[in-house]
Amino acid sequence: MDTLKINNNGTPRNKANSFLRSWAWKREHRPDKDRFDRPYHHKVIVQGVTHDLVINQAPFKTTGFASTVWDSAIVLSKYLERLPQKVEGRNCIELGAGCGLPGIVAASLGASSVLLTDFPDNLDLLQRNIMINKVQKIVSVHPLVWGSRSELLVNHFDLIIATDVMYYLEAVDSLLSTLKMASDAETIILLAYGRNRQAEQTFLEKAHRYFSVKLVSDEELDDVYRCVDVDVLELRVKPE
């Protein structure tokens, strides 16, 4: 939708400047050895101290593209670092967690608990990343099929995060069902997604029935870790 290319203050995004700033950190143009074989190192600053998070990756699997750190995960993680008050003391769930970078960043920023969910085949990778970053006291891993009435969703979450969940049209209804089950009036939902956005229009049309939807502007994102092909949305449950 065209409105997603305009900042909330009504100004258009400066594509040229944003591209130049983002080229140094963007990963989708990198060789496979960087995207799948080598760990990704992510620096996060917590109370003035820099921590180096190590995020293991893995080759593509038949279950999807869940084993590399996508640009949208970096953009969302850096947004959380910029506004740690969205995370501190909150119960958080990450849907389709992949390598788990945003969820592990949330734990580093002071979330009270973080639940990383994905397909069963990807849970070993998530568990390895939890252990290597020593956040196992805060972060747990569990399989979750979108749309299912899982006991994980009995209690609502303060913060729901997900990246690159707009690529599969057939999953829109199931994703929205899970978002509704996991949220209440106080929940903040943050969704970041890049070029794989085939389901974006359908998702937005249906999401507006249940949630208010706001595009996070460039001014709110990290000065460096933002790019023209990644959008971040904030959703809130509409009052009844």
C-alpha atoms as a PDB file:
ATOM      1  CA  MET A   1       0.000   0.000   0.000  1.00  0.00           C
ATOM      2  CA  ASP A   2       1.307   3.467  -0.898  1.00  0.00           C
ATOM      3  CA  THR A   3       0.797   4.810   2.638  1.00  0.00           C
ATOM      4  CA  LEU A   4       3.519   2.494   3.865  1.00  0.00           C
ATOM      5  CA  LYS A   5       6.097   4.482   1.869  1.00  0.00           C
ATOM      6  CA  ILE A   6       5.324   7.746   3.680  1.00  0.00           C
ATOM      7  CA  ASN A   7       6.549   8.591   7.171  1.00  0.00           C
ATOM      8  CA  ASN A   8       3.950   9.365   9.828  1.00  0.00           C
ATOM      9  CA  ASN A   9       4.781  13.066   9.591  1.00  0.00           C
ATOM     10  CA  GLY A  10       3.729  13.054   5.931  1.00  0.00           C
ATOM     11  CA  THR A  11       7.232  13.240   4.451  1.00  0.00           C
ATOM     12  CA  PRO A  12       8.421  10.702   1.870  1.00  0.00           C
ATOM     13  CA  ARG A  13      11.303   8.424   2.675  1.00  0.00           C
ATOM     14  CA  ASN A  14      14.694   9.455   1.241  1.00  0.00           C
ATOM     15  CA  LYS A  15      15.566   6.270  -0.590  1.00  0.00           C
ATOM     16  CA  ALA A  16      19.045   7.265  -1.763  1.00  0.00           C
ATOM     17  CA  ASN A  17      20.369   8.297   1.660  1.00  0.00           C
ATOM     18  CA  SER A  18      18.806   5.323   3.398  1.00  0.00           C
ATOM     19  CA  PHE A  19      20.326   2.921   0.873  1.00  0.00           C
ATOM     20  CA  LEU A  20      23.838   4.272   1.338  1.00  0.00           C
ATOM     21  CA  ARG A  21      23.618   4.085   5.141  1.00  0.00           C
ATOM     22  CA  SER A  22      22.263   0.563   5.116  1.00  0.00           C
ATOM     23  CA  TRP A  23      24.575  -1.033   2.564  1.00  0.00           C
ATOM     24  CA  ALA A  24      27.357  -1.613   5.108  1.00  0.00           C
ATOM     25  CA  TRP A  25      25.220  -3.794   7.391  1.00  0.00           C
ATOM     26  CA  LYS A  26      22.622  -5.360   5.078  1.00  0.00           C
ATOM     27  CA  ARG A  27      23.066  -9.094   4.697  1.00  0.00           C
ATOM     28  CA  GLU A  28      20.930 -10.306   1.819  1.00  0.00           C
ATOM     29  CA  HIS A  29      23.668  -9.518  -0.725  1.00  0.00           C
ATOM     30  CA  ARG A  30      26.326 -11.346   1.289  1.00  0.00           C
ATOM     31  CA  PRO A  31      27.812 -14.714   0.221  1.00  0.00           C
ATOM     32  CA  ASP A  32      26.269 -17.900   1.578  1.00  0.00           C
ATOM     33  CA  LYS A  33      29.158 -18.519   3.974  1.00  0.00           C
ATOM     34  CA  ASP A  34      28.220 -15.306   5.817  1.00  0.00           C
ATOM     35  CA  ARG A  35      24.471 -15.917   5.713  1.00  0.00           C
ATOM     36  CA  PHE A  36      24.352 -19.602   6.630  1.00  0.00           C
ATOM     37  CA  ASP A  37      27.701 -21.036   7.764  1.00  0.00           C
ATOM     38  CA  ARG A  38      29.273 -18.401   9.981  1.00  0.00           C
ATOM     39  CA  PRO A  39      27.621 -17.040  13.135  1.00  0.00           C
ATOM     40  CA  TYR A  40      26.230 -13.522  12.965  1.00  0.00           C
ATOM     41  CA  HIS A  41      27.612 -11.147  15.619  1.00  0.00           C
ATOM     42  CA  HIS A  42      25.251  -8.480  16.896  1.00  0.00           C
ATOM     43  CA  LYS A  43      26.391  -5.742  19.248  1.00  0.00           C
ATOM     44  CA  VAL A  44      23.813  -4.515  21.735  1.00  0.00           C
ATOM     45  CA  ILE A  45      24.401  -1.740  24.269  1.00  0.00           C
ATOM     46  CA  VAL A  46      22.767  -2.248  27.653  1.00  0.00           C
ATOM     47  CA  GLN A  47      23.169   0.495  30.249  1.00  0.00           C
ATOM     48  CA  GLY A  48      26.267   1.768  28.488  1.00  0.00           C
ATOM     49  CA  VAL A  49      27.919  -1.662  28.205  1.00  0.00           C
ATOM     50  CA  THR A  50      28.372  -3.284  24.786  1.00  0.00           C
ATOM     51  CA  HIS A  51      27.519  -6.987  24.553  1.00  0.00           C
ATOM     52  CA  ASP A  52      28.357  -9.202  21.579  1.00  0.00           C
ATOM     53  CA  LEU A  53      25.507 -11.578  20.811  1.00  0.00           C
ATOM     54  CA  VAL A  54      26.422 -14.646  18.774  1.00  0.00           C
ATOM     55  CA  ILE A  55      23.644 -15.933  16.517  1.00  0.00           C
ATOM     56  CA  ASN A  56      24.207 -19.284  14.839  1.00  0.00           C
ATOM     57  CA  GLN A  57      22.703 -19.822  11.392  1.00  0.00           C
ATOM     58  CA  ALA A  58      22.086 -22.899   9.271  1.00  0.00           C
ATOM     59  CA  PRO A  59      21.479 -23.809   5.601  1.00  0.00           C
ATOM     60  CA  PHE A  60      18.019 -23.631   4.087  1.00  0.00           C
ATOM     61  CA  LYS A  61      15.627 -26.433   5.001  1.00  0.00           C
ATOM     62  CA  THR A  62      12.480 -27.760   3.426  1.00  0.00           C
ATOM     63  CA  THR A  63      10.430 -26.146   6.219  1.00  0.00           C
ATOM     64  CA  GLY A  64      11.308 -22.605   5.127  1.00  0.00           C
ATOM     65  CA  PHE A  65      13.789 -19.738   5.241  1.00  0.00           C
ATOM     66  CA  ALA A  66      14.179 -19.695   9.015  1.00  0.00           C
ATOM     67  CA  SER A  67      17.883 -20.264   9.390  1.00  0.00           C
ATOM     68  CA  THR A  68      19.535 -16.967   8.534  1.00  0.00           C
ATOM     69  CA  VAL A  69      19.440 -13.507  10.088  1.00  0.00           C
ATOM     70  CA  TRP A  70      17.335 -11.408   7.712  1.00  0.00           C
ATOM     71  CA  ASP A  71      17.646  -7.636   7.431  1.00  0.00           C
ATOM     72  CA  SER A  72      14.225  -7.177   9.038  1.00  0.00           C
ATOM     73  CA  ALA A  73      15.419  -8.955  12.196  1.00  0.00           C
ATOM     74  CA  ILE A  74      18.315  -6.506  12.495  1.00  0.00           C
ATOM     75  CA  VAL A  75      16.086  -3.473  11.932  1.00  0.00           C
ATOM     76  CA  LEU A  76      13.599  -4.646  14.566  1.00  0.00           C
ATOM     77  CA  SER A  77      16.341  -5.515  17.056  1.00  0.00           C
ATOM     78  CA  LYS A  78      17.935  -2.097  16.707  1.00  0.00           C
ATOM     79  CA  TYR A  79      14.532  -0.460  17.124  1.00  0.00           C
ATOM     80  CA  LEU A  80      14.077  -2.318  20.413  1.00  0.00           C
ATOM     81  CA  GLU A  81      17.534  -1.176  21.510  1.00  0.00           C
ATOM     82  CA  ARG A  82      16.562   2.410  20.746  1.00  0.00           C
ATOM     83  CA  LEU A  83      13.401   2.135  22.892  1.00  0.00           C
ATOM     84  CA  PRO A  84      14.179  -0.359  25.666  1.00  0.00           C
ATOM     85  CA  GLN A  85      11.118   0.781  27.614  1.00  0.00           C
ATOM     86  CA  LYS A  86       9.045  -1.251  25.172  1.00  0.00           C
ATOM     87  CA  VAL A  87      10.874  -4.343  26.458  1.00  0.00           C
ATOM     88  CA  GLU A  88      11.928  -3.873  30.080  1.00  0.00           C
ATOM     89  CA  GLY A  89       9.937  -6.018  32.497  1.00  0.00           C
ATOM     90  CA  ARG A  90       7.629  -7.343  29.775  1.00  0.00           C
ATOM     91  CA  ASN A  91       6.557 -10.852  28.871  1.00  0.00           C
ATOM     92  CA  CYS A  92       7.499 -11.329  25.227  1.00  0.00           C
ATOM     93  CA  ILE A  93       6.798 -13.887  22.510  1.00  0.00           C
ATOM     94  CA  GLU A  94       8.490 -14.087  19.109  1.00  0.00           C
ATOM     95  CA  LEU A  95       6.525 -15.787  16.328  1.00  0.00           C
ATOM     96  CA  GLY A  96       8.403 -17.599  13.574  1.00  0.00           C
ATOM     97  CA  ALA A  97      11.594 -16.844  15.458  1.00  0.00           C
ATOM     98  CA  GLY A  98      14.086 -18.305  12.979  1.00  0.00           C
ATOM     99  CA  CYS A  99      17.497 -17.627  14.525  1.00  0.00           C
ATOM    100  CA  GLY A 100      15.897 -15.758  17.421  1.00  0.00           C
ATOM    101  CA  LEU A 101      17.824 -12.486  17.195  1.00  0.00           C
ATOM    102  CA  PRO A 102      15.004 -10.055  18.189  1.00  0.00           C
ATOM    103  CA  GLY A 103      13.871 -12.269  21.060  1.00  0.00           C
ATOM    104  CA  ILE A 104      17.404 -12.680  22.390  1.00  0.00           C
ATOM    105  CA  VAL A 105      17.921  -8.919  22.095  1.00  0.00           C
ATOM    106  CA  ALA A 106      14.699  -8.419  24.070  1.00  0.00           C
ATOM    107  CA  ALA A 107      16.076 -10.660  26.815  1.00  0.00           C
ATOM    108  CA  SER A 108      19.325  -8.674  26.859  1.00  0.00           C
ATOM    109  CA  LEU A 109      17.335  -5.449  27.228  1.00  0.00           C
ATOM    110  CA  GLY A 110      15.535  -6.597  30.347  1.00  0.00           C
ATOM    111  CA  ALA A 111      12.423  -8.517  29.289  1.00  0.00           C
ATOM    112  CA  SER A 112      11.087 -10.540  32.209  1.00  0.00           C
ATOM    113  CA  SER A 113      10.500 -13.565  29.974  1.00  0.00           C
ATOM    114  CA  VAL A 114      10.829 -14.378  26.280  1.00  0.00           C
ATOM    115  CA  LEU A 115       9.225 -17.283  24.438  1.00  0.00           C
ATOM    116  CA  LEU A 116      10.722 -18.143  21.047  1.00  0.00           C
ATOM    117  CA  THR A 117       8.368 -20.130  18.811  1.00  0.00           C
ATOM    118  CA  ASP A 118       8.793 -21.754  15.426  1.00  0.00           C
ATOM    119  CA  PHE A 119       8.450 -25.037  13.546  1.00  0.00           C
ATOM    120  CA  PRO A 120       9.748 -28.063  15.497  1.00  0.00           C
ATOM    121  CA  ASP A 121      12.649 -28.581  13.059  1.00  0.00           C
ATOM    122  CA  ASN A 122      14.068 -25.170  13.935  1.00  0.00           C
ATOM    123  CA  LEU A 123      13.979 -25.452  17.730  1.00  0.00           C
ATOM    124  CA  ASP A 124      17.451 -26.992  18.085  1.00  0.00           C
ATOM    125  CA  LEU A 125      19.001 -23.939  16.427  1.00  0.00           C
ATOM    126  CA  LEU A 126      17.057 -21.615  18.710  1.00  0.00           C
ATOM    127  CA  GLN A 127      18.108 -23.579  21.772  1.00  0.00           C
ATOM    128  CA  ARG A 128      21.761 -23.374  20.727  1.00  0.00           C
ATOM    129  CA  ASN A 129      21.503 -19.613  20.366  1.00  0.00           C
ATOM    130  CA  ILE A 130      19.879 -19.286  23.769  1.00  0.00           C
ATOM    131  CA  MET A 131      22.653 -21.280  25.402  1.00  0.00           C
ATOM    132  CA  ILE A 132      25.573 -19.582  23.651  1.00  0.00           C
ATOM    133  CA  ASN A 133      24.241 -16.172  24.718  1.00  0.00           C
ATOM    134  CA  LYS A 134      23.520 -17.362  28.273  1.00  0.00           C
ATOM    135  CA  VAL A 135      19.910 -16.173  28.378  1.00  0.00           C
ATOM    136  CA  GLN A 136      18.348 -19.537  29.244  1.00  0.00           C
ATOM    137  CA  LYS A 137      17.007 -18.197  32.551  1.00  0.00           C
ATOM    138  CA  ILE A 138      14.830 -15.723  30.643  1.00  0.00           C
ATOM    139  CA  VAL A 139      14.298 -17.309  27.225  1.00  0.00           C
ATOM    140  CA  SER A 140      12.515 -20.569  26.416  1.00  0.00           C
ATOM    141  CA  VAL A 141      11.673 -22.336  23.155  1.00  0.00           C
ATOM    142  CA  HIS A 142       8.477 -24.045  22.100  1.00  0.00           C
ATOM    143  CA  PRO A 143       6.872 -25.191  18.836  1.00  0.00           C
ATOM    144  CA  LEU A 144       3.835 -23.236  17.727  1.00  0.00           C
ATOM    145  CA  VAL A 145       1.603 -23.664  14.711  1.00  0.00           C
ATOM    146  CA  TRP A 146      -0.157 -20.413  13.873  1.00  0.00           C
ATOM    147  CA  GLY A 147      -3.901 -20.611  14.300  1.00  0.00           C
ATOM    148  CA  SER A 148      -3.778 -23.481  16.790  1.00  0.00           C
ATOM    149  CA  ARG A 149      -5.296 -23.049  20.256  1.00  0.00           C
ATOM    150  CA  SER A 150      -2.075 -23.676  22.108  1.00  0.00           C
ATOM    151  CA  GLU A 151      -1.827 -23.563  25.894  1.00  0.00           C
ATOM    152  CA  LEU A 152       1.083 -21.159  25.298  1.00  0.00           C
ATOM    153  CA  LEU A 153      -1.455 -18.474  24.438  1.00  0.00           C
ATOM    154  CA  VAL A 154      -3.705 -18.833  27.483  1.00  0.00           C
ATOM    155  CA  ASN A 155      -2.024 -15.868  29.115  1.00  0.00           C
ATOM    156  CA  HIS A 156      -1.661 -12.777  26.968  1.00  0.00           C
ATOM    157  CA  PHE A 157       1.760 -11.271  26.241  1.00  0.00           C
ATOM    158  CA  ASP A 158       2.911  -7.705  26.821  1.00  0.00           C
ATOM    159  CA  LEU A 159       5.001  -7.705  23.642  1.00  0.00           C
ATOM    160  CA  ILE A 160       4.653  -9.778  20.463  1.00  0.00           C
ATOM    161  CA  ILE A 161       7.411  -9.578  17.866  1.00  0.00           C
ATOM    162  CA  ALA A 162       7.837 -11.213  14.471  1.00  0.00           C
ATOM    163  CA  THR A 163       9.909 -10.679  11.340  1.00  0.00           C
ATOM    164  CA  ASP A 164       9.293 -11.593   7.704  1.00  0.00           C
ATOM    165  CA  VAL A 165       5.817 -13.016   8.233  1.00  0.00           C
ATOM    166  CA  MET A 166       4.256 -11.338   5.162  1.00  0.00           C
ATOM    167  CA  TYR A 167       5.537 -13.733   2.498  1.00  0.00           C
ATOM    168  CA  TYR A 168       2.884 -16.461   2.588  1.00  0.00           C
ATOM    169  CA  LEU A 169      -0.665 -15.507   1.617  1.00  0.00           C
ATOM    170  CA  GLU A 170      -2.204 -18.735   2.884  1.00  0.00           C
ATOM    171  CA  ALA A 171      -0.866 -18.073   6.397  1.00  0.00           C
ATOM    172  CA  VAL A 172      -2.500 -14.651   6.898  1.00  0.00           C
ATOM    173  CA  ASP A 173      -5.651 -15.891   8.630  1.00  0.00           C
ATOM    174  CA  SER A 174      -3.668 -18.223  10.900  1.00  0.00           C
ATOM    175  CA  LEU A 175      -1.206 -15.473  11.804  1.00  0.00           C
ATOM    176  CA  LEU A 176      -4.008 -13.054  12.657  1.00  0.00           C
ATOM    177  CA  SER A 177      -5.735 -15.719  14.725  1.00  0.00           C
ATOM    178  CA  THR A 178      -2.560 -16.247  16.760  1.00  0.00           C
ATOM    179  CA  LEU A 179      -2.029 -12.499  17.202  1.00  0.00           C
ATOM    180  CA  LYS A 180      -5.584 -12.139  18.507  1.00  0.00           C
ATOM    181  CA  MET A 181      -5.219 -15.062  20.918  1.00  0.00           C
ATOM    182  CA  ALA A 182      -1.881 -13.822  22.287  1.00  0.00           C
ATOM    183  CA  SER A 183      -2.856 -10.166  22.796  1.00  0.00           C
ATOM    184  CA  ASP A 184      -5.094  -7.921  24.831  1.00  0.00           C
ATOM    185  CA  ALA A 185      -5.671  -4.166  25.076  1.00  0.00           C
ATOM    186  CA  GLU A 186      -2.227  -3.594  26.636  1.00  0.00           C
ATOM    187  CA  THR A 187      -0.214  -5.662  24.166  1.00  0.00           C
ATOM    188  CA  ILE A 188       2.262  -4.086  21.755  1.00  0.00           C
ATOM    189  CA  ILE A 189       2.740  -6.027  18.512  1.00  0.00           C
ATOM    190  CA  LEU A 190       5.785  -5.238  16.367  1.00  0.00           C
ATOM    191  CA  LEU A 191       6.113  -6.760  12.910  1.00  0.00           C
ATOM    192  CA  ALA A 192       9.101  -6.131  10.629  1.00  0.00           C
ATOM    193  CA  TYR A 193       9.349  -7.409   7.089  1.00  0.00           C
ATOM    194  CA  GLY A 194      11.480  -6.942   4.003  1.00  0.00           C
ATOM    195  CA  ARG A 195      11.116  -7.598   0.298  1.00  0.00           C
ATOM    196  CA  ASN A 196       9.238 -10.881   0.731  1.00  0.00           C
ATOM    197  CA  ARG A 197       5.862  -9.236   1.303  1.00  0.00           C
ATOM    198  CA  GLN A 198       3.490 -10.991  -1.084  1.00  0.00           C
ATOM    199  CA  ALA A 199       0.807 -11.178   1.625  1.00  0.00           C
ATOM    200  CA  GLU A 200       1.176  -7.576   2.853  1.00  0.00           C
ATOM    201  CA  GLN A 201      -1.961  -6.114   1.297  1.00  0.00           C
ATOM    202  CA  THR A 202      -4.191  -9.001   2.377  1.00  0.00           C
ATOM    203  CA  PHE A 203      -2.747  -8.936   5.892  1.00  0.00           C
ATOM    204  CA  LEU A 204      -3.302  -5.193   6.282  1.00  0.00           C
ATOM    205  CA  GLU A 205      -6.856  -5.327   4.943  1.00  0.00           C
ATOM    206  CA  LYS A 206      -7.773  -8.041   7.452  1.00  0.00           C
ATOM    207  CA  ALA A 207      -5.666  -6.723  10.346  1.00  0.00           C
ATOM    208  CA  HIS A 208      -7.507  -3.394  10.344  1.00  0.00           C
ATOM    209  CA  ARG A 209     -10.657  -5.224  11.451  1.00  0.00           C
ATOM    210  CA  TYR A 210      -9.093  -6.101  14.813  1.00  0.00           C
ATOM    211  CA  PHE A 211      -6.040  -3.862  15.300  1.00  0.00           C
ATOM    212  CA  SER A 212      -4.947  -0.300  14.885  1.00  0.00           C
ATOM    213  CA  VAL A 213      -1.940  -0.319  12.568  1.00  0.00           C
ATOM    214  CA  LYS A 214       0.859   2.247  12.589  1.00  0.00           C
ATOM    215  CA  LEU A 215       3.935   2.422  10.392  1.00  0.00           C
ATOM    216  CA  VAL A 216       7.020   3.094  12.510  1.00  0.00           C
ATOM    217  CA  SER A 217       8.643   6.114  10.838  1.00  0.00           C
ATOM    218  CA  ASP A 218      12.274   6.446   9.830  1.00  0.00           C
ATOM    219  CA  GLU A 219      12.718   9.017  12.586  1.00  0.00           C
ATOM    220  CA  GLU A 220      11.765   6.422  15.190  1.00  0.00           C
ATOM    221  CA  LEU A 221      14.064   3.724  13.816  1.00  0.00           C
ATOM    222  CA  ASP A 222      17.806   3.532  14.386  1.00  0.00           C
ATOM    223  CA  ASP A 223      19.700   6.152  12.375  1.00  0.00           C
ATOM    224  CA  VAL A 224      21.866   3.524  10.671  1.00  0.00           C
ATOM    225  CA  TYR A 225      19.942   0.258  10.943  1.00  0.00           C
ATOM    226  CA  ARG A 226      16.989   1.078   8.721  1.00  0.00           C
ATOM    227  CA  CYS A 227      16.475   0.603   4.998  1.00  0.00           C
ATOM    228  CA  VAL A 228      13.939   1.336   2.303  1.00  0.00           C
ATOM    229  CA  ASP A 229      12.972  -2.300   1.784  1.00  0.00           C
ATOM    230  CA  VAL A 230      12.132  -3.047   5.446  1.00  0.00           C
ATOM    231  CA  ASP A 231       8.979  -1.770   7.159  1.00  0.00           C
ATOM    232  CA  VAL A 232       8.135  -2.000  10.856  1.00  0.00           C
ATOM    233  CA  LEU A 233       4.494  -1.953  11.963  1.00  0.00           C
ATOM    234  CA  GLU A 234       3.082  -1.447  15.443  1.00  0.00           C
ATOM    235  CA  LEU A 235      -0.319  -3.040  16.069  1.00  0.00           C
ATOM    236  CA  ARG A 236      -2.656  -2.577  19.024  1.00  0.00           C
ATOM    237  CA  VAL A 237      -5.946  -4.304  19.757  1.00  0.00           C
ATOM    238  CA  LYS A 238      -8.872  -2.074  18.865  1.00  0.00           C
ATOM    239  CA  PRO A 239     -11.227  -1.341  21.746  1.00  0.00           C
ATOM    240  CA  GLU A 240     -14.504  -3.208  21.569  1.00  0.00           C
END
